[in-house]
N, C-alpha and C. Protein backbone atom coordinates (compact mmCIF):
# COMPACT_ATOMS: atom_id res chain seq x y z
N MET A 1 3.22 -27.22 25.64
CA MET A 1 2.24 -26.35 24.85
C MET A 1 0.89 -26.02 24.88
N SER A 2 0.44 -25.69 25.04
CA SER A 2 -1.23 -25.28 25.88
C SER A 2 -1.63 -25.76 23.83
N ALA A 3 -3.32 -26.78 24.16
CA ALA A 3 -4.01 -26.12 22.94
C ALA A 3 -4.21 -24.82 22.60
N VAL A 4 -4.15 -23.92 23.45
CA VAL A 4 -4.45 -22.54 22.37
C VAL A 4 -3.46 -22.28 22.12
N ALA A 5 -2.26 -22.65 22.43
CA ALA A 5 -1.22 -22.06 21.91
C ALA A 5 -0.48 -22.56 20.77
N ARG A 6 -1.21 -23.74 20.50
CA ARG A 6 -0.84 -24.92 19.34
C ARG A 6 -1.82 -24.32 18.42
N GLU A 7 -3.58 -23.90 18.77
CA GLU A 7 -4.14 -23.35 17.58
C GLU A 7 -3.57 -21.90 17.48
N LEU A 8 -2.78 -21.00 17.92
CA LEU A 8 -2.63 -20.22 17.23
C LEU A 8 -1.67 -20.29 16.73
N THR A 9 -0.14 -20.89 16.81
CA THR A 9 0.43 -20.95 16.01
C THR A 9 0.07 -21.93 14.90
N ALA A 10 -0.84 -22.79 14.38
CA ALA A 10 -1.59 -23.04 13.41
C ALA A 10 -2.17 -22.04 12.59
N GLY A 11 -2.74 -21.56 13.35
CA GLY A 11 -3.18 -19.91 12.56
C GLY A 11 -1.93 -19.20 12.34
N ARG A 12 -1.16 -18.76 12.98
CA ARG A 12 -0.52 -17.98 12.37
C ARG A 12 0.72 -18.38 11.23
N ALA A 13 0.78 -19.84 11.29
CA ALA A 13 1.13 -21.12 10.17
C ALA A 13 0.72 -20.25 8.98
N ALA A 14 -0.62 -21.17 9.23
CA ALA A 14 -1.94 -20.03 7.91
C ALA A 14 -1.52 -18.81 7.70
N GLU A 15 -1.55 -17.99 8.47
CA GLU A 15 -1.10 -16.22 7.90
C GLU A 15 -0.08 -16.44 6.96
N PHE A 16 1.13 -16.87 7.45
CA PHE A 16 2.02 -16.72 6.97
C PHE A 16 2.05 -17.67 5.50
N GLY A 17 1.35 -18.42 5.20
CA GLY A 17 1.38 -19.45 4.16
C GLY A 17 0.39 -18.60 3.06
N LEU A 18 -0.19 -17.40 3.96
CA LEU A 18 -1.27 -16.98 2.93
C LEU A 18 -0.34 -15.59 2.66
N LEU A 19 0.25 -15.32 3.06
CA LEU A 19 1.56 -14.44 2.84
C LEU A 19 2.09 -14.70 1.14
N LEU A 20 2.65 -15.39 1.81
CA LEU A 20 3.19 -16.39 0.27
C LEU A 20 2.43 -16.24 -0.44
N GLU A 21 1.30 -16.89 -0.99
CA GLU A 21 0.12 -17.01 -1.85
C GLU A 21 -0.10 -15.83 -2.26
N LEU A 22 -0.04 -14.85 -1.52
CA LEU A 22 -0.76 -13.14 -2.29
C LEU A 22 0.37 -12.73 -2.73
N THR A 23 1.37 -13.02 -2.41
CA THR A 23 2.76 -12.27 -2.80
C THR A 23 2.95 -13.09 -4.22
N GLU A 24 3.22 -14.45 -4.51
CA GLU A 24 2.59 -15.10 -5.36
C GLU A 24 1.94 -14.49 -6.38
N SER A 25 0.74 -14.35 -6.32
CA SER A 25 -0.70 -14.64 -6.86
C SER A 25 -0.13 -12.50 -7.19
N LEU A 26 0.36 -11.76 -6.47
CA LEU A 26 0.71 -9.98 -6.83
C LEU A 26 1.99 -10.44 -8.18
N LYS A 27 2.39 -11.02 -7.89
CA LYS A 27 3.96 -11.15 -9.26
C LYS A 27 2.83 -11.99 -9.97
N ALA A 28 1.64 -12.77 -10.07
CA ALA A 28 1.25 -13.17 -11.35
C ALA A 28 0.56 -12.56 -12.14
N ARG A 29 -0.34 -11.31 -11.09
CA ARG A 29 -1.36 -10.10 -11.60
C ARG A 29 -0.32 -9.38 -12.71
N LEU A 30 0.97 -8.64 -11.78
CA LEU A 30 1.93 -8.17 -13.03
C LEU A 30 2.15 -8.72 -13.94
N GLU A 31 2.68 -10.21 -13.90
CA GLU A 31 2.89 -10.66 -15.03
C GLU A 31 2.43 -10.36 -16.32
N LYS A 32 0.58 -10.43 -15.80
CA LYS A 32 -0.31 -10.58 -16.51
C LYS A 32 -0.39 -9.06 -17.42
N GLY A 33 0.11 -7.99 -16.56
CA GLY A 33 -0.03 -6.33 -16.81
C GLY A 33 -1.47 -6.32 -16.63
N GLU A 34 -1.95 -6.92 -14.96
CA GLU A 34 -3.67 -6.71 -14.57
C GLU A 34 -2.93 -5.98 -13.30
N TRP A 35 -3.07 -4.41 -13.83
CA TRP A 35 -2.08 -3.46 -12.33
C TRP A 35 -3.01 -3.44 -11.96
N GLY A 36 -4.66 -3.30 -11.69
CA GLY A 36 -6.14 -2.84 -10.90
C GLY A 36 -5.87 -4.23 -10.07
N GLN A 37 -6.02 -5.11 -10.04
CA GLN A 37 -6.16 -6.69 -9.50
C GLN A 37 -5.04 -7.08 -8.57
N ALA A 38 -3.83 -6.78 -9.30
CA ALA A 38 -2.51 -6.48 -8.59
C ALA A 38 -2.54 -5.66 -7.06
N ALA A 39 -3.12 -4.08 -7.45
CA ALA A 39 -3.15 -3.14 -6.75
C ALA A 39 -4.33 -3.74 -5.29
N GLN A 40 -5.41 -4.64 -5.74
CA GLN A 40 -6.46 -4.80 -4.76
C GLN A 40 -5.61 -6.14 -3.82
N LEU A 41 -4.82 -6.82 -4.24
CA LEU A 41 -4.04 -8.15 -3.54
C LEU A 41 -3.31 -7.01 -2.60
N GLU A 42 -2.47 -6.28 -3.06
CA GLU A 42 -0.80 -5.41 -2.44
C GLU A 42 -2.22 -5.05 -1.17
N LEU A 43 -3.51 -4.66 -1.01
CA LEU A 43 -3.83 -3.84 0.11
C LEU A 43 -4.18 -5.20 0.82
N GLU A 44 -4.81 -6.32 0.10
CA GLU A 44 -5.15 -7.11 1.03
C GLU A 44 -3.72 -7.59 2.03
N ARG A 45 -2.70 -7.74 0.98
CA ARG A 45 -1.73 -8.38 1.08
C ARG A 45 -1.48 -7.35 2.57
N ARG A 46 -1.31 -6.25 2.31
CA ARG A 46 -0.79 -5.24 3.50
C ARG A 46 -1.38 -5.21 4.71
N LYS A 47 -2.53 -5.46 4.50
CA LYS A 47 -3.70 -5.96 5.77
C LYS A 47 -2.60 -7.10 6.43
N LEU A 48 -2.75 -8.40 5.91
CA LEU A 48 -2.50 -9.32 6.12
C LEU A 48 -1.10 -9.47 6.74
N ILE A 49 0.12 -8.33 6.04
CA ILE A 49 1.17 -7.50 6.98
C ILE A 49 1.63 -7.21 8.20
N GLU A 50 0.34 -6.35 8.27
CA GLU A 50 0.10 -5.51 9.80
C GLU A 50 -0.30 -6.20 10.80
N ARG A 51 -1.45 -7.01 10.23
CA ARG A 51 -2.04 -8.32 11.16
C ARG A 51 -0.71 -9.10 11.63
N VAL A 52 0.10 -9.85 10.67
CA VAL A 52 1.07 -11.09 11.22
C VAL A 52 2.35 -10.53 11.88
N PHE A 53 2.07 -8.96 12.22
CA PHE A 53 3.39 -8.27 12.27
C PHE A 53 2.65 -7.43 13.74
N ASP A 54 2.00 -7.51 13.94
CA ASP A 54 0.88 -6.94 15.14
C ASP A 54 0.92 -8.09 16.48
N VAL A 55 1.57 -9.15 16.26
CA VAL A 55 1.78 -10.40 17.68
C VAL A 55 3.27 -10.25 17.32
N VAL A 56 4.04 -10.09 18.12
CA VAL A 56 5.56 -11.00 18.67
C VAL A 56 5.47 -12.49 18.51
N PRO A 57 6.11 -12.70 17.19
CA PRO A 57 5.73 -14.15 16.98
C PRO A 57 6.60 -14.75 18.15
N ALA A 58 6.54 -16.10 17.87
CA ALA A 58 6.58 -17.29 18.99
C ALA A 58 8.09 -17.73 18.44
N ALA A 59 8.79 -18.49 19.48
CA ALA A 59 10.21 -18.67 19.00
C ALA A 59 9.71 -20.31 18.07
N SER A 60 8.86 -21.05 18.24
CA SER A 60 8.53 -21.71 17.43
C SER A 60 7.97 -21.55 16.20
N GLU A 61 7.54 -20.21 16.14
CA GLU A 61 7.29 -19.47 14.73
C GLU A 61 8.25 -19.18 13.82
N LEU A 62 9.19 -18.69 14.95
CA LEU A 62 10.62 -17.98 13.77
C LEU A 62 11.41 -19.02 12.29
N PRO A 63 10.89 -20.39 12.45
CA PRO A 63 11.97 -20.78 11.45
C PRO A 63 10.65 -20.41 10.34
N VAL A 64 9.78 -20.79 10.54
CA VAL A 64 8.61 -20.72 9.17
C VAL A 64 8.56 -19.09 8.78
N LEU A 65 8.47 -18.38 10.15
CA LEU A 65 8.44 -17.20 9.68
C LEU A 65 9.51 -16.61 8.94
N THR A 66 10.47 -16.74 9.15
CA THR A 66 12.04 -16.26 8.50
C THR A 66 11.91 -16.95 6.53
N ALA A 67 11.71 -18.01 6.59
CA ALA A 67 11.37 -18.56 5.30
C ALA A 67 10.50 -18.17 4.94
N THR A 68 9.17 -17.92 4.59
CA THR A 68 8.21 -16.99 3.98
C THR A 68 8.69 -15.85 3.96
N LEU A 69 9.32 -14.92 4.99
CA LEU A 69 10.07 -13.80 4.50
C LEU A 69 11.15 -13.47 3.86
N ARG A 70 12.15 -14.68 3.66
CA ARG A 70 13.17 -14.39 2.33
C ARG A 70 12.31 -14.45 1.57
N GLU A 71 11.75 -15.89 0.78
CA GLU A 71 10.95 -15.97 0.36
C GLU A 71 10.16 -14.57 -0.78
N VAL A 72 9.44 -13.59 0.58
CA VAL A 72 8.42 -12.67 -0.18
C VAL A 72 9.53 -11.63 -0.06
N VAL A 73 10.47 -11.66 0.29
CA VAL A 73 11.75 -10.54 -0.35
C VAL A 73 12.55 -10.47 -1.97
N ARG A 74 11.89 -12.19 -1.23
CA ARG A 74 12.72 -12.75 -3.22
C ARG A 74 12.11 -12.11 -3.74
N ILE A 75 10.51 -12.26 -3.83
CA ILE A 75 9.71 -12.18 -5.10
C ILE A 75 9.92 -10.58 -4.92
N ASN A 76 9.56 -9.59 -3.86
CA ASN A 76 9.22 -8.64 -3.72
C ASN A 76 10.49 -8.15 -4.61
N ASP A 77 11.74 -8.30 -4.70
CA ASP A 77 12.50 -7.99 -5.37
C ASP A 77 11.83 -7.96 -7.40
N GLU A 78 11.49 -9.08 -7.31
CA GLU A 78 10.63 -9.25 -8.63
C GLU A 78 9.92 -8.74 -9.00
N LEU A 79 9.21 -8.14 -8.39
CA LEU A 79 8.34 -7.22 -8.39
C LEU A 79 8.62 -5.82 -8.63
N ILE A 80 9.32 -5.73 -7.74
CA ILE A 80 10.07 -4.08 -8.06
C ILE A 80 10.56 -4.38 -9.67
N GLY A 81 11.44 -4.75 -10.26
CA GLY A 81 11.74 -5.03 -11.38
C GLY A 81 10.56 -5.27 -12.35
N LEU A 82 9.94 -6.01 -12.34
CA LEU A 82 8.58 -6.05 -13.30
C LEU A 82 7.81 -4.70 -13.12
N ALA A 83 7.89 -4.30 -11.94
CA ALA A 83 7.09 -2.34 -12.16
C ALA A 83 8.24 -1.21 -12.59
N GLU A 84 9.40 -1.59 -12.68
CA GLU A 84 10.82 -0.56 -13.07
C GLU A 84 10.51 -0.42 -14.85
N HIS A 85 10.03 -2.21 -15.03
CA HIS A 85 10.22 -2.46 -16.44
C HIS A 85 8.78 -1.49 -16.95
N ARG A 86 7.81 -1.79 -16.68
CA ARG A 86 6.61 -1.26 -16.71
C ARG A 86 6.60 0.17 -16.73
N ARG A 87 7.37 0.66 -15.88
CA ARG A 87 7.66 2.30 -15.67
C ARG A 87 8.61 3.09 -16.60
N ARG A 88 9.57 2.21 -17.23
CA ARG A 88 10.36 2.24 -18.34
C ARG A 88 9.45 2.45 -19.75
N ALA A 89 8.84 1.40 -19.50
CA ALA A 89 8.07 1.15 -21.05
C ALA A 89 6.87 2.09 -21.16
N VAL A 90 6.28 3.10 -20.29
CA VAL A 90 4.87 3.78 -20.22
C VAL A 90 6.07 4.96 -20.36
N ALA A 91 6.95 5.31 -19.82
CA ALA A 91 7.81 6.54 -20.51
C ALA A 91 8.45 6.37 -21.66
N ARG A 92 8.25 5.26 -22.32
CA ARG A 92 8.93 5.05 -24.14
C ARG A 92 7.69 5.45 -24.46
N GLU A 93 6.53 5.18 -24.35
CA GLU A 93 5.08 5.65 -25.03
C GLU A 93 4.72 6.66 -25.25
N LEU A 94 4.89 7.63 -23.61
CA LEU A 94 4.78 9.03 -23.47
C LEU A 94 5.70 10.04 -24.31
N ASP A 95 6.88 9.42 -24.65
CA ASP A 95 7.99 9.98 -25.68
C ASP A 95 7.84 9.91 -26.92
N LEU A 96 7.15 8.65 -26.96
CA LEU A 96 6.49 8.60 -28.98
C LEU A 96 5.22 9.31 -28.89
N LEU A 97 4.46 9.42 -27.93
CA LEU A 97 3.23 10.51 -27.96
C LEU A 97 3.43 12.07 -27.85
N ALA A 98 4.73 12.40 -27.37
CA ALA A 98 5.25 13.38 -27.92
C ALA A 98 5.91 13.76 -28.99
N VAL A 99 7.08 13.10 -29.56
CA VAL A 99 6.80 13.29 -31.06
C VAL A 99 5.67 12.88 -31.58
N GLY A 100 5.34 12.41 -31.72
CA GLY A 100 3.99 12.44 -32.70
C GLY A 100 2.76 13.65 -32.39
N ARG A 101 2.73 14.08 -31.35
CA ARG A 101 2.38 15.25 -31.85
C ARG A 101 2.93 16.35 -31.79
N GLU A 102 4.01 16.14 -31.36
CA GLU A 102 4.72 17.62 -32.14
C GLU A 102 4.77 17.72 -33.77
N ALA A 103 5.23 15.87 -34.26
CA ALA A 103 5.23 16.47 -35.87
C ALA A 103 3.90 16.50 -35.99
N HIS A 104 2.36 16.29 -35.31
CA HIS A 104 1.16 16.61 -36.33
C HIS A 104 1.69 17.96 -36.25
N ARG A 105 1.79 18.75 -34.88
CA ARG A 105 1.95 20.41 -34.98
C ARG A 105 2.70 21.04 -36.01
N ALA A 106 3.71 20.35 -36.33
CA ALA A 106 4.95 20.93 -37.62
C ALA A 106 3.67 20.81 -39.37
N TYR A 107 3.05 19.45 -39.22
CA TYR A 107 2.73 18.96 -40.07
C TYR A 107 1.17 20.35 -40.04
N GLN A 108 0.52 20.30 -38.96
CA GLN A 108 -0.25 21.36 -39.26
C GLN A 108 -0.08 23.07 -39.43
N GLY A 109 1.12 23.28 -38.77
CA GLY A 109 1.92 24.59 -38.78
C GLY A 109 2.36 24.56 -40.51
N ALA A 110 2.57 23.73 -41.32
CA ALA A 110 3.10 23.68 -42.89
C ALA A 110 1.50 23.80 -43.85
N GLY A 111 0.46 23.47 -42.93
CA GLY A 111 -0.88 23.85 -43.80
C GLY A 111 -1.26 22.40 -43.95
N GLY A 112 -0.82 21.03 -43.37
CA GLY A 112 -1.35 20.26 -43.63
C GLY A 112 -1.06 19.63 -45.10
N ARG A 113 -0.44 20.42 -45.60
CA ARG A 113 0.24 19.86 -46.97
C ARG A 113 1.19 18.48 -46.91
N ARG A 114 0.94 18.08 -47.59
CA ARG A 114 2.22 16.98 -47.79
C ARG A 114 3.43 17.29 -49.33
N PRO A 115 4.41 17.11 -48.93
CA PRO A 115 5.24 17.40 -49.80
C PRO A 115 5.12 16.88 -51.07
């Protein structure tokens, strides 16, 4: 293998590592409820994914790439669960807000009098 090919492989290995690191950071942000920062990380991660897959991987890269992608997919499944949990929590909050507004209208319709 030439020095250029070794450097490329080392650089690609670094990109694979960065992909995993960004995915783990994304999960940490979502777990803390830092959705805005998570969105920025996701943009960065998507650009990296495009860059990684813009080049056909060399055979020597496949084991590392496969292991990285398996871990990214595993964490992505967790991210989907976190997002779904948050979506349900927001839906509950909206339902409670709607009930509160309805109660407020009913109270106002009764002249705002207490029983």
